Amino acid sequence: MNTRHGGAVATALVLLSGFASGQTGSGPAIGAVRVSGRVVDPQRAPIANAAVSLKADVGCNAALTHTRDDGTFALPALPQTECRLGVEAMGFKTAVKPIVIGTGKEIDAGDIVMQVGGGDPLRDPVSAPAELVEVPVAVHGLAGTSATLSTGELSALPQQTVKTIDHGVPVTFQGVLLMDALSGVALPVGEAFHPTAASYYLTVEAKDGYRAVFAWVEIDPAFTDAKVYLVTKRDGKPLPDKDGPIQLVAPGDKRGARWARQVAALKIRRAD
């Protein structure tokens, strides 16, 4: 059972195409919604001075700003509109993220992950063909090792079917064991780590800032029979935008507090 609400972002998918540049926008008008987020590279390092635009065909005021040194940004928007958040940075492919603006004063767009590459940063996304690409999950292991995970990469791993209860309703998830998904980075496994394994932990980070922590001995099959999964489908269909594209599911947790929607990063660390 998942007790956490999803974020306000309508989708976790990024459309890679051009986003036309404009002039720096003014501050929010009275009653405007503030849209904020962070621009990062595939290793989750911040990208400074990236141009961030917010606009739509109708109903969404055009605005443009640049990211700060920590990659963060904020833009004004009108309530109850559908907009496109576009990001351009030298040496990266342009990213465009659909955003549904509600009636609240703050909208967190989460991390916008830019992929390394060229492309034409001045193409108009309305007329230019766009490639649908999901934001990958960043995985950080020991000894500075790292990797990224997409639903396509997860589909190449041994598949698991998980039957459990979510908010009192029987559901069937499809995905992979968390341990299999972590195989691309260095892990505290084997006899060398056996005496110290209990001092390691895994942090799961979601796009809306939610975090959950697992002691390593809760997920390593050398210490437990409990299973934790990364899933991409629910009842045979891709996860809804509020949950996916990748969700962590821990069926053994009675209250589901560590079920993480819209997984953005997995980090393995040792407690000091």
C-alpha atoms as a PDB file:
ATOM      1  CA  MET A   1       0.000   0.000   0.000  1.00  0.00           C
ATOM      2  CA  ASN A   2       1.431   3.357  -0.975  1.00  0.00           C
ATOM      3  CA  THR A   3       0.547   6.184   1.415  1.00  0.00           C
ATOM      4  CA  ARG A   4       2.341   8.960  -0.473  1.00  0.00           C
ATOM      5  CA  HIS A   5       0.676  11.254  -2.969  1.00  0.00           C
ATOM      6  CA  GLY A   6       2.129  11.749  -6.465  1.00  0.00           C
ATOM      7  CA  GLY A   7       3.681  15.035  -7.642  1.00  0.00           C
ATOM      8  CA  ALA A   8       1.972  17.699  -9.716  1.00  0.00           C
ATOM      9  CA  VAL A   9       3.959  16.965 -12.864  1.00  0.00           C
ATOM     10  CA  ALA A  10       1.645  15.334 -15.388  1.00  0.00           C
ATOM     11  CA  THR A  11       4.287  13.060 -16.909  1.00  0.00           C
ATOM     12  CA  ALA A  12       7.787  11.789 -16.255  1.00  0.00           C
ATOM     13  CA  LEU A  13       8.620  11.611 -19.936  1.00  0.00           C
ATOM     14  CA  VAL A  14      10.873  14.052 -21.730  1.00  0.00           C
ATOM     15  CA  LEU A  15      10.405  15.013 -25.375  1.00  0.00           C
ATOM     16  CA  LEU A  16      13.775  15.643 -26.967  1.00  0.00           C
ATOM     17  CA  SER A  17      13.361  18.305 -29.616  1.00  0.00           C
ATOM     18  CA  GLY A  18      14.061  22.028 -30.052  1.00  0.00           C
ATOM     19  CA  PHE A  19      12.628  24.818 -27.939  1.00  0.00           C
ATOM     20  CA  ALA A  20      12.636  28.322 -29.420  1.00  0.00           C
ATOM     21  CA  SER A  21      14.613  30.895 -27.455  1.00  0.00           C
ATOM     22  CA  GLY A  22      13.198  34.181 -26.134  1.00  0.00           C
ATOM     23  CA  GLN A  23      14.019  37.102 -23.879  1.00  0.00           C
ATOM     24  CA  THR A  24      14.385  36.852 -20.120  1.00  0.00           C
ATOM     25  CA  GLY A  25      10.921  36.850 -18.517  1.00  0.00           C
ATOM     26  CA  SER A  26       9.793  39.262 -15.839  1.00  0.00           C
ATOM     27  CA  GLY A  27       8.683  38.258 -12.368  1.00  0.00           C
ATOM     28  CA  PRO A  28       5.385  36.463 -11.741  1.00  0.00           C
ATOM     29  CA  ALA A  29       2.205  38.498 -12.070  1.00  0.00           C
ATOM     30  CA  ILE A  30      -0.226  38.687  -9.175  1.00  0.00           C
ATOM     31  CA  GLY A  31      -1.951  35.342  -8.814  1.00  0.00           C
ATOM     32  CA  ALA A  32       0.578  33.514 -11.033  1.00  0.00           C
ATOM     33  CA  VAL A  33       1.816  30.009 -10.301  1.00  0.00           C
ATOM     34  CA  ARG A  34       5.516  29.507  -9.619  1.00  0.00           C
ATOM     35  CA  VAL A  35       7.036  26.576 -11.553  1.00  0.00           C
ATOM     36  CA  SER A  36      10.417  25.448 -10.236  1.00  0.00           C
ATOM     37  CA  GLY A  37      12.802  22.576 -10.780  1.00  0.00           C
ATOM     38  CA  ARG A  38      16.405  21.613 -11.377  1.00  0.00           C
ATOM     39  CA  VAL A  39      18.409  20.890 -14.545  1.00  0.00           C
ATOM     40  CA  VAL A  40      21.013  18.116 -14.292  1.00  0.00           C
ATOM     41  CA  ASP A  41      23.175  15.891 -16.505  1.00  0.00           C
ATOM     42  CA  PRO A  42      22.783  12.069 -16.623  1.00  0.00           C
ATOM     43  CA  GLN A  43      25.032  11.766 -13.520  1.00  0.00           C
ATOM     44  CA  ARG A  44      22.712  14.196 -11.669  1.00  0.00           C
ATOM     45  CA  ALA A  45      25.336  16.983 -11.644  1.00  0.00           C
ATOM     46  CA  PRO A  46      23.726  20.454 -11.897  1.00  0.00           C
ATOM     47  CA  ILE A  47      23.859  22.347 -15.195  1.00  0.00           C
ATOM     48  CA  ALA A  48      24.296  26.085 -14.658  1.00  0.00           C
ATOM     49  CA  ASN A  49      23.148  28.843 -17.042  1.00  0.00           C
ATOM     50  CA  ALA A  50      20.822  26.554 -19.014  1.00  0.00           C
ATOM     51  CA  ALA A  51      18.006  28.445 -20.756  1.00  0.00           C
ATOM     52  CA  VAL A  52      14.619  27.378 -19.372  1.00  0.00           C
ATOM     53  CA  SER A  53      11.429  28.372 -21.217  1.00  0.00           C
ATOM     54  CA  LEU A  54       7.769  27.881 -20.350  1.00  0.00           C
ATOM     55  CA  LYS A  55       5.105  28.314 -23.018  1.00  0.00           C
ATOM     56  CA  ALA A  56       2.210  26.748 -24.892  1.00  0.00           C
ATOM     57  CA  ASP A  57       0.175  27.373 -28.026  1.00  0.00           C
ATOM     58  CA  VAL A  58      -2.535  29.144 -26.027  1.00  0.00           C
ATOM     59  CA  GLY A  59      -3.280  29.969 -22.416  1.00  0.00           C
ATOM     60  CA  CYS A  60       0.219  29.796 -20.937  1.00  0.00           C
ATOM     61  CA  ASN A  61       2.293  32.933 -20.609  1.00  0.00           C
ATOM     62  CA  ALA A  62       5.710  32.688 -22.261  1.00  0.00           C
ATOM     63  CA  ALA A  63       8.643  33.155 -19.879  1.00  0.00           C
ATOM     64  CA  LEU A  64      12.366  32.445 -19.980  1.00  0.00           C
ATOM     65  CA  THR A  65      15.078  32.312 -17.345  1.00  0.00           C
ATOM     66  CA  HIS A  66      18.472  30.675 -16.774  1.00  0.00           C
ATOM     67  CA  THR A  67      19.463  28.120 -14.178  1.00  0.00           C
ATOM     68  CA  ARG A  68      21.516  29.082 -11.150  1.00  0.00           C
ATOM     69  CA  ASP A  69      24.882  27.519 -10.267  1.00  0.00           C
ATOM     70  CA  ASP A  70      23.065  24.664  -8.509  1.00  0.00           C
ATOM     71  CA  GLY A  71      20.928  23.984 -11.594  1.00  0.00           C
ATOM     72  CA  THR A  72      17.690  25.282 -10.068  1.00  0.00           C
ATOM     73  CA  PHE A  73      15.208  27.614 -11.758  1.00  0.00           C
ATOM     74  CA  ALA A  74      11.807  29.255 -11.209  1.00  0.00           C
ATOM     75  CA  LEU A  75       9.299  30.637 -13.731  1.00  0.00           C
ATOM     76  CA  PRO A  76       5.832  32.216 -13.532  1.00  0.00           C
ATOM     77  CA  ALA A  77       2.820  30.532 -15.149  1.00  0.00           C
ATOM     78  CA  LEU A  78      -0.915  31.018 -15.321  1.00  0.00           C
ATOM     79  CA  PRO A  79      -3.126  28.590 -13.364  1.00  0.00           C
ATOM     80  CA  GLN A  80      -5.151  25.825 -14.992  1.00  0.00           C
ATOM     81  CA  THR A  81      -3.138  25.592 -18.203  1.00  0.00           C
ATOM     82  CA  GLU A  82      -1.086  22.988 -20.039  1.00  0.00           C
ATOM     83  CA  CYS A  83       2.424  24.202 -20.847  1.00  0.00           C
ATOM     84  CA  ARG A  84       5.724  22.931 -22.188  1.00  0.00           C
ATOM     85  CA  LEU A  85       8.872  23.400 -20.142  1.00  0.00           C
ATOM     86  CA  GLY A  86      11.854  23.586 -22.481  1.00  0.00           C
ATOM     87  CA  VAL A  87      15.551  23.514 -21.556  1.00  0.00           C
ATOM     88  CA  GLU A  88      18.572  24.325 -23.736  1.00  0.00           C
ATOM     89  CA  ALA A  89      22.240  24.054 -22.778  1.00  0.00           C
ATOM     90  CA  MET A  90      25.442  23.969 -24.789  1.00  0.00           C
ATOM     91  CA  GLY A  91      26.587  20.396 -25.449  1.00  0.00           C
ATOM     92  CA  PHE A  92      23.243  18.825 -24.520  1.00  0.00           C
ATOM     93  CA  LYS A  93      20.136  17.777 -26.409  1.00  0.00           C
ATOM     94  CA  THR A  94      17.207  20.092 -25.862  1.00  0.00           C
ATOM     95  CA  ALA A  95      14.624  18.757 -23.389  1.00  0.00           C
ATOM     96  CA  VAL A  96      10.909  19.544 -23.385  1.00  0.00           C
ATOM     97  CA  LYS A  97       8.667  18.428 -20.527  1.00  0.00           C
ATOM     98  CA  PRO A  98       4.853  18.747 -20.582  1.00  0.00           C
ATOM     99  CA  ILE A  99       3.513  20.403 -17.419  1.00  0.00           C
ATOM    100  CA  VAL A 100      -0.100  20.619 -16.237  1.00  0.00           C
ATOM    101  CA  ILE A 101      -0.591  23.754 -14.130  1.00  0.00           C
ATOM    102  CA  GLY A 102      -3.212  23.431 -11.425  1.00  0.00           C
ATOM    103  CA  THR A 103      -4.578  26.074  -9.078  1.00  0.00           C
ATOM    104  CA  GLY A 104      -1.852  25.825  -6.447  1.00  0.00           C
ATOM    105  CA  LYS A 105       0.810  28.501  -6.016  1.00  0.00           C
ATOM    106  CA  GLU A 106       3.791  26.153  -6.431  1.00  0.00           C
ATOM    107  CA  ILE A 107       4.544  23.464  -9.030  1.00  0.00           C
ATOM    108  CA  ASP A 108       7.687  21.335  -8.658  1.00  0.00           C
ATOM    109  CA  ALA A 109       8.800  20.055 -12.065  1.00  0.00           C
ATOM    110  CA  GLY A 110      11.487  17.920 -10.443  1.00  0.00           C
ATOM    111  CA  ASP A 111      14.801  17.126 -12.104  1.00  0.00           C
ATOM    112  CA  ILE A 112      15.095  17.749 -15.851  1.00  0.00           C
ATOM    113  CA  VAL A 113      17.814  15.336 -16.992  1.00  0.00           C
ATOM    114  CA  MET A 114      19.577  16.520 -20.156  1.00  0.00           C
ATOM    115  CA  GLN A 115      21.239  13.992 -22.431  1.00  0.00           C
ATOM    116  CA  VAL A 116      24.659  14.730 -23.898  1.00  0.00           C
ATOM    117  CA  GLY A 117      24.536  15.527 -27.618  1.00  0.00           C
ATOM    118  CA  GLY A 118      24.202  18.174 -30.240  1.00  0.00           C
ATOM    119  CA  GLY A 119      21.052  18.849 -32.189  1.00  0.00           C
ATOM    120  CA  ASP A 120      19.558  22.120 -33.341  1.00  0.00           C
ATOM    121  CA  PRO A 121      18.599  24.135 -30.226  1.00  0.00           C
ATOM    122  CA  LEU A 122      16.475  26.619 -32.180  1.00  0.00           C
ATOM    123  CA  ARG A 123      13.937  24.301 -33.776  1.00  0.00           C
ATOM    124  CA  ASP A 124      10.309  24.967 -32.878  1.00  0.00           C
ATOM    125  CA  PRO A 125       8.876  21.970 -30.964  1.00  0.00           C
ATOM    126  CA  VAL A 126       5.416  22.676 -32.384  1.00  0.00           C
ATOM    127  CA  SER A 127       6.525  21.885 -35.936  1.00  0.00           C
ATOM    128  CA  ALA A 128       9.641  19.763 -35.386  1.00  0.00           C
ATOM    129  CA  PRO A 129       9.280  15.994 -34.898  1.00  0.00           C
ATOM    130  CA  ALA A 130       9.990  14.934 -31.330  1.00  0.00           C
ATOM    131  CA  GLU A 131      11.492  11.750 -29.963  1.00  0.00           C
ATOM    132  CA  LEU A 132       9.823  10.366 -26.839  1.00  0.00           C
ATOM    133  CA  VAL A 133      12.489   9.453 -24.299  1.00  0.00           C
ATOM    134  CA  GLU A 134      12.026   8.762 -20.617  1.00  0.00           C
ATOM    135  CA  VAL A 135      14.177  10.206 -17.872  1.00  0.00           C
ATOM    136  CA  PRO A 136      16.560   7.436 -16.696  1.00  0.00           C
ATOM    137  CA  VAL A 137      17.035   6.463 -13.055  1.00  0.00           C
ATOM    138  CA  ALA A 138      20.527   7.278 -11.756  1.00  0.00           C
ATOM    139  CA  VAL A 139      22.226   4.479  -9.785  1.00  0.00           C
ATOM    140  CA  HIS A 140      25.241   5.244  -7.565  1.00  0.00           C
ATOM    141  CA  GLY A 141      27.229   2.371  -6.110  1.00  0.00           C
ATOM    142  CA  LEU A 142      30.428   1.972  -4.131  1.00  0.00           C
ATOM    143  CA  ALA A 143      33.870   3.162  -5.228  1.00  0.00           C
ATOM    144  CA  GLY A 144      32.383   5.917  -7.379  1.00  0.00           C
ATOM    145  CA  THR A 145      30.599   3.540  -9.756  1.00  0.00           C
ATOM    146  CA  SER A 146      27.394   4.703 -11.426  1.00  0.00           C
ATOM    147  CA  ALA A 147      24.877   3.655 -14.055  1.00  0.00           C
ATOM    148  CA  THR A 148      21.468   4.641 -15.415  1.00  0.00           C
ATOM    149  CA  LEU A 149      18.316   2.570 -15.753  1.00  0.00           C
ATOM    150  CA  SER A 150      15.430   2.957 -18.194  1.00  0.00           C
ATOM    151  CA  THR A 151      12.341   0.802 -18.633  1.00  0.00           C
ATOM    152  CA  GLY A 152      14.017  -0.675 -21.716  1.00  0.00           C
ATOM    153  CA  GLU A 153      17.073  -1.699 -19.741  1.00  0.00           C
ATOM    154  CA  LEU A 154      14.898  -3.150 -16.981  1.00  0.00           C
ATOM    155  CA  SER A 155      13.000  -5.206 -19.570  1.00  0.00           C
ATOM    156  CA  ALA A 156      16.274  -6.967 -20.461  1.00  0.00           C
ATOM    157  CA  LEU A 157      16.633  -8.266 -16.878  1.00  0.00           C
ATOM    158  CA  PRO A 158      14.832 -11.348 -15.479  1.00  0.00           C
ATOM    159  CA  GLN A 159      11.169 -10.377 -15.133  1.00  0.00           C
ATOM    160  CA  GLN A 160       9.121 -10.841 -11.988  1.00  0.00           C
ATOM    161  CA  THR A 161       5.377 -10.820 -11.308  1.00  0.00           C
ATOM    162  CA  VAL A 162       4.409  -9.265  -7.979  1.00  0.00           C
ATOM    163  CA  LYS A 163       0.919  -9.810  -6.556  1.00  0.00           C
ATOM    164  CA  THR A 164       0.183  -7.564  -3.588  1.00  0.00           C
ATOM    165  CA  ILE A 165      -2.333  -5.102  -2.111  1.00  0.00           C
ATOM    166  CA  ASP A 166      -2.341  -1.360  -2.803  1.00  0.00           C
ATOM    167  CA  HIS A 167      -4.811   0.766  -0.833  1.00  0.00           C
ATOM    168  CA  GLY A 168      -6.851  -2.353  -0.110  1.00  0.00           C
ATOM    169  CA  VAL A 169      -7.057  -3.360  -3.784  1.00  0.00           C
ATOM    170  CA  PRO A 170      -5.345  -6.497  -5.154  1.00  0.00           C
ATOM    171  CA  VAL A 171      -2.860  -5.537  -7.872  1.00  0.00           C
ATOM    172  CA  THR A 172      -0.309  -7.306 -10.033  1.00  0.00           C
ATOM    173  CA  PHE A 173       2.943  -5.524 -10.831  1.00  0.00           C
ATOM    174  CA  GLN A 174       5.533  -6.532 -13.407  1.00  0.00           C
ATOM    175  CA  GLY A 175       9.166  -5.618 -12.960  1.00  0.00           C
ATOM    176  CA  VAL A 176      12.546  -6.832 -11.706  1.00  0.00           C
ATOM    177  CA  LEU A 177      14.220  -7.565  -8.407  1.00  0.00           C
ATOM    178  CA  LEU A 178      15.919  -4.483  -7.004  1.00  0.00           C
ATOM    179  CA  MET A 179      19.148  -6.465  -6.583  1.00  0.00           C
ATOM    180  CA  ASP A 180      19.152  -7.337 -10.295  1.00  0.00           C
ATOM    181  CA  ALA A 181      18.655  -3.670 -11.171  1.00  0.00           C
ATOM    182  CA  LEU A 182      21.674  -2.724  -9.043  1.00  0.00           C
ATOM    183  CA  SER A 183      24.007  -5.155 -10.795  1.00  0.00           C
ATOM    184  CA  GLY A 184      25.615  -2.423 -12.918  1.00  0.00           C
ATOM    185  CA  VAL A 185      27.426  -0.819  -9.955  1.00  0.00           C
ATOM    186  CA  ALA A 186      29.740  -2.007  -7.172  1.00  0.00           C
ATOM    187  CA  LEU A 187      27.783  -3.457  -4.234  1.00  0.00           C
ATOM    188  CA  PRO A 188      28.664  -4.500  -0.660  1.00  0.00           C
ATOM    189  CA  VAL A 189      28.293  -8.212  -1.444  1.00  0.00           C
ATOM    190  CA  GLY A 190      30.462 -11.288  -0.978  1.00  0.00           C
ATOM    191  CA  GLU A 191      32.575 -12.593   1.865  1.00  0.00           C
ATOM    192  CA  ALA A 192      34.727  -9.459   1.986  1.00  0.00           C
ATOM    193  CA  PHE A 193      31.689  -7.409   3.012  1.00  0.00           C
ATOM    194  CA  HIS A 194      30.009 -10.026   5.195  1.00  0.00           C
ATOM    195  CA  PRO A 195      31.314  -8.603   8.516  1.00  0.00           C
ATOM    196  CA  THR A 196      30.357  -5.001   7.594  1.00  0.00           C
ATOM    197  CA  ALA A 197      27.255  -5.428   5.402  1.00  0.00           C
ATOM    198  CA  ALA A 198      24.950  -4.189   8.171  1.00  0.00           C
ATOM    199  CA  SER A 199      26.622  -0.763   8.033  1.00  0.00           C
ATOM    200  CA  TYR A 200      25.517  -0.126   4.422  1.00  0.00           C
ATOM    201  CA  TYR A 201      22.188   1.281   3.269  1.00  0.00           C
ATOM    202  CA  LEU A 202      20.284   2.195   0.106  1.00  0.00           C
ATOM    203  CA  THR A 203      18.557   5.552  -0.368  1.00  0.00           C
ATOM    204  CA  VAL A 204      15.696   5.724  -2.891  1.00  0.00           C
ATOM    205  CA  GLU A 205      14.988   9.217  -4.230  1.00  0.00           C
ATOM    206  CA  ALA A 206      11.789  10.150  -6.074  1.00  0.00           C
ATOM    207  CA  LYS A 207      11.297  13.006  -8.522  1.00  0.00           C
ATOM    208  CA  ASP A 208       9.157  14.954  -6.061  1.00  0.00           C
ATOM    209  CA  GLY A 209      11.900  14.871  -3.406  1.00  0.00           C
ATOM    210  CA  TYR A 210      10.515  11.927  -1.422  1.00  0.00           C
ATOM    211  CA  ARG A 211      13.189   9.641   0.055  1.00  0.00           C
ATOM    212  CA  ALA A 212      13.112   6.148   1.527  1.00  0.00           C
ATOM    213  CA  VAL A 213      15.935   4.187   3.156  1.00  0.00           C
ATOM    214  CA  PHE A 214      16.607   0.445   3.242  1.00  0.00           C
ATOM    215  CA  ALA A 215      19.288  -1.187   5.351  1.00  0.00           C
ATOM    216  CA  TRP A 216      21.429  -3.270   3.023  1.00  0.00           C
ATOM    217  CA  VAL A 217      20.627  -6.455   4.931  1.00  0.00           C
ATOM    218  CA  GLU A 218      16.927  -5.838   4.106  1.00  0.00           C
ATOM    219  CA  ILE A 219      17.534  -6.323   0.375  1.00  0.00           C
ATOM    220  CA  ASP A 220      20.626  -8.545   0.037  1.00  0.00           C
ATOM    221  CA  PRO A 221      19.453 -12.170  -0.455  1.00  0.00           C
ATOM    222  CA  ALA A 222      22.490 -13.332   1.527  1.00  0.00           C
ATOM    223  CA  PHE A 223      20.780 -11.886   4.624  1.00  0.00           C
ATOM    224  CA  THR A 224      17.024 -11.911   3.946  1.00  0.00           C
ATOM    225  CA  ASP A 225      14.277 -13.696   2.031  1.00  0.00           C
ATOM    226  CA  ALA A 226      12.293 -10.467   1.657  1.00  0.00           C
ATOM    227  CA  LYS A 227      11.967  -9.110  -1.887  1.00  0.00           C
ATOM    228  CA  VAL A 228      12.030  -5.512  -3.116  1.00  0.00           C
ATOM    229  CA  TYR A 229      11.194  -4.680  -6.727  1.00  0.00           C
ATOM    230  CA  LEU A 230      11.454  -1.985  -9.365  1.00  0.00           C
ATOM    231  CA  VAL A 231       8.265  -2.237 -11.417  1.00  0.00           C
ATOM    232  CA  THR A 232       7.208  -0.728 -14.739  1.00  0.00           C
ATOM    233  CA  LYS A 233       3.716  -2.180 -15.215  1.00  0.00           C
ATOM    234  CA  ARG A 234       0.551  -2.428 -13.140  1.00  0.00           C
ATOM    235  CA  ASP A 235      -2.083  -5.001 -14.076  1.00  0.00           C
ATOM    236  CA  GLY A 236      -0.462  -5.471 -17.471  1.00  0.00           C
ATOM    237  CA  LYS A 237      -0.307  -1.764 -18.370  1.00  0.00           C
ATOM    238  CA  PRO A 238       2.523   0.796 -18.077  1.00  0.00           C
ATOM    239  CA  LEU A 239       2.448   2.649 -14.777  1.00  0.00           C
ATOM    240  CA  PRO A 240       0.340   5.830 -14.730  1.00  0.00           C
ATOM    241  CA  ASP A 241       2.260   9.097 -14.911  1.00  0.00           C
ATOM    242  CA  LYS A 242       1.812   9.782 -11.192  1.00  0.00           C
ATOM    243  CA  ASP A 243       3.634   6.533 -10.330  1.00  0.00           C
ATOM    244  CA  GLY A 244       6.064   5.845 -13.159  1.00  0.00           C
ATOM    245  CA  PRO A 245       7.746   5.188 -15.373  1.00  0.00           C
ATOM    246  CA  ILE A 246       9.567   3.254 -12.620  1.00  0.00           C
ATOM    247  CA  GLN A 247       8.222   2.593  -9.117  1.00  0.00           C
ATOM    248  CA  LEU A 248       9.784   0.816  -6.146  1.00  0.00           C
ATOM    249  CA  VAL A 249       7.521  -1.722  -4.460  1.00  0.00           C
ATOM    250  CA  ALA A 250       8.280  -3.443  -1.133  1.00  0.00           C
ATOM    251  CA  PRO A 251       5.425  -5.925  -0.549  1.00  0.00           C
ATOM    252  CA  GLY A 252       6.761  -6.824   2.907  1.00  0.00           C
ATOM    253  CA  ASP A 253       6.205  -3.311   4.262  1.00  0.00           C
ATOM    254  CA  LYS A 254       2.826  -3.342   6.015  1.00  0.00           C
ATOM    255  CA  ARG A 255       2.174   0.396   5.642  1.00  0.00           C
ATOM    256  CA  GLY A 256       3.896   0.886   2.303  1.00  0.00           C
ATOM    257  CA  ALA A 257       5.740   4.011   3.472  1.00  0.00           C
ATOM    258  CA  ARG A 258       8.821   3.036   1.454  1.00  0.00           C
ATOM    259  CA  TRP A 259       7.006   2.464  -1.814  1.00  0.00           C
ATOM    260  CA  ALA A 260       8.531   5.213  -3.945  1.00  0.00           C
ATOM    261  CA  ARG A 261       6.749   6.573  -7.016  1.00  0.00           C
ATOM    262  CA  GLN A 262       8.607   8.128  -9.964  1.00  0.00           C
ATOM    263  CA  VAL A 263      11.986   6.768  -8.856  1.00  0.00           C
ATOM    264  CA  ALA A 264      14.783   9.159  -9.835  1.00  0.00           C
ATOM    265  CA  ALA A 265      17.889   7.810  -8.103  1.00  0.00           C
ATOM    266  CA  LEU A 266      19.239   4.877  -6.098  1.00  0.00           C
ATOM    267  CA  LYS A 267      22.281   5.488  -3.892  1.00  0.00           C
ATOM    268  CA  ILE A 268      24.300   2.961  -1.881  1.00  0.00           C
ATOM    269  CA  ARG A 269      26.300   4.336   1.024  1.00  0.00           C
ATOM    270  CA  ARG A 270      27.999   3.241   4.241  1.00  0.00           C
ATOM    271  CA  ALA A 271      26.900   4.715   7.538  1.00  0.00           C
ATOM    272  CA  ASP A 272      29.668   6.771   9.172  1.00  0.00           C
END
